[in-house]
Protein backbone atom coordinates (compact mmCIF):
# COMPACT_ATOMS: atom_id res chain seq x y z
CA UNK A 1 20.94 -9.39 3.82
CA UNK A 2 17.62 -10.28 5.67
CA UNK A 3 15.03 -11.38 3.41
CA UNK A 4 11.26 -11.99 4.27
CA UNK A 5 8.91 -14.77 2.84
CA UNK A 6 7.14 -11.68 1.22
CA UNK A 7 10.17 -10.46 -0.39
CA UNK A 8 11.27 -13.81 -1.59
CA UNK A 9 7.50 -14.59 -3.05
CA UNK A 10 8.12 -11.03 -4.84
CA UNK A 11 11.49 -11.92 -6.29
CA UNK A 12 10.53 -15.28 -7.33
CA UNK A 13 7.31 -13.43 -8.89
CA UNK A 14 9.28 -10.38 -10.56
CA UNK A 15 12.82 -9.71 -9.91
CA UNK A 16 12.47 -6.46 -11.76
CA UNK A 17 9.55 -5.37 -9.33
CA UNK A 18 11.38 -6.70 -6.38
CA UNK A 19 14.56 -4.46 -7.35
CA UNK A 20 12.23 -1.52 -8.13
CA UNK A 21 10.53 -1.55 -4.56
CA UNK A 22 13.34 -2.80 -2.34
CA UNK A 23 16.00 -1.11 -3.88
CA UNK A 24 15.17 1.93 -5.93
CA UNK A 25 12.20 2.80 -3.51
CA UNK A 26 9.62 3.01 -6.41
CA UNK A 27 6.12 1.66 -5.38
CA UNK A 28 3.54 0.44 -8.12
CA UNK A 29 0.06 1.40 -7.66
CA UNK A 30 -1.44 0.22 -4.45
CA UNK A 31 -4.83 -1.24 -5.98
CA UNK A 32 -8.19 -0.31 -5.09
CA UNK A 33 -8.56 -2.21 -2.01
CA UNK A 34 -5.45 -0.33 -0.47
CA UNK A 35 -6.94 3.05 -1.63
CA UNK A 36 -10.54 2.21 -0.19
CA UNK A 37 -8.88 0.97 3.27
CA UNK A 38 -7.02 4.39 3.40
CA UNK A 39 -10.21 6.45 2.74
CA UNK A 40 -12.08 4.00 5.27
CA UNK A 41 -9.40 4.60 7.78
CA UNK A 42 -8.90 8.30 7.64
CA UNK A 43 -12.62 8.91 7.43
CA UNK A 44 -13.24 6.81 10.65
CA UNK A 45 -10.32 8.57 12.48
CA UNK A 46 -11.47 12.25 11.66
CA UNK A 47 -14.91 10.93 12.57
CA UNK A 48 -14.15 9.54 16.03
CA UNK A 49 -11.66 12.80 16.68
CA UNK A 50 -14.73 15.16 15.87
CA UNK A 51 -16.99 12.78 18.21
CA UNK A 52 -14.77 12.81 21.37
CA UNK A 53 -14.76 16.75 20.81
CA UNK A 54 -18.14 17.19 20.52
CA UNK A 55 -19.33 15.78 23.90
CA UNK A 56 -21.92 13.63 22.29
CA UNK A 57 -21.43 10.25 23.84
CA UNK A 58 -23.79 8.05 22.07
CA UNK A 59 -24.09 9.71 18.81
CA UNK A 60 -22.61 9.40 15.61
CA UNK A 61 -24.32 10.87 12.49
CA UNK A 62 -24.25 9.00 9.23
CA UNK A 63 -24.67 12.42 7.38
CA UNK A 64 -21.34 13.95 8.96
CA UNK A 65 -19.60 10.28 8.16
CA UNK A 66 -20.63 10.38 4.43
CA UNK A 67 -19.48 14.28 4.08
CA UNK A 68 -15.93 13.06 5.79
CA UNK A 69 -15.81 10.41 3.39
CA UNK A 70 -16.54 12.15 0.38
CA UNK A 71 -13.59 14.91 1.52
CA UNK A 72 -11.25 12.11 2.11
CA UNK A 73 -12.00 10.28 -1.13
CA UNK A 74 -11.60 13.41 -2.96
CA UNK A 75 -8.33 14.31 -1.32
CA UNK A 76 -7.02 10.89 -2.22
CA UNK A 77 -8.12 10.40 -5.66
CA UNK A 78 -8.97 13.72 -7.03
CA UNK A 79 -12.32 12.67 -7.86
CA UNK A 80 -15.75 14.29 -6.62
CA UNK A 81 -18.75 12.28 -5.65
CA UNK A 82 -20.48 11.72 -9.05
CA UNK A 83 -16.84 10.49 -10.32
CA UNK A 84 -16.16 7.98 -7.70
CA UNK A 85 -19.07 5.62 -8.50
CA UNK A 86 -18.56 5.55 -12.41
CA UNK A 87 -14.94 5.04 -11.55
CA UNK A 88 -15.32 1.90 -9.34
């Protein structure tokens, strides 16, 4: 069996969590930072793809980026704009 430093630290911190994640495939809540990163990444990816197709080489629209972010946030969390700020 090959063990990484991260896996060993996780086992020392919580053997049950280690077993659930590494052997049963159950993942815990990724946390707000991971969620935000995923939404930002998807937003940038879609924005750049649209930008390439548009033929506007020197222009990125902030309103368009905001709209895409809102769409991705709702898709990831199920929360709409007004809820996203009250939820954190």
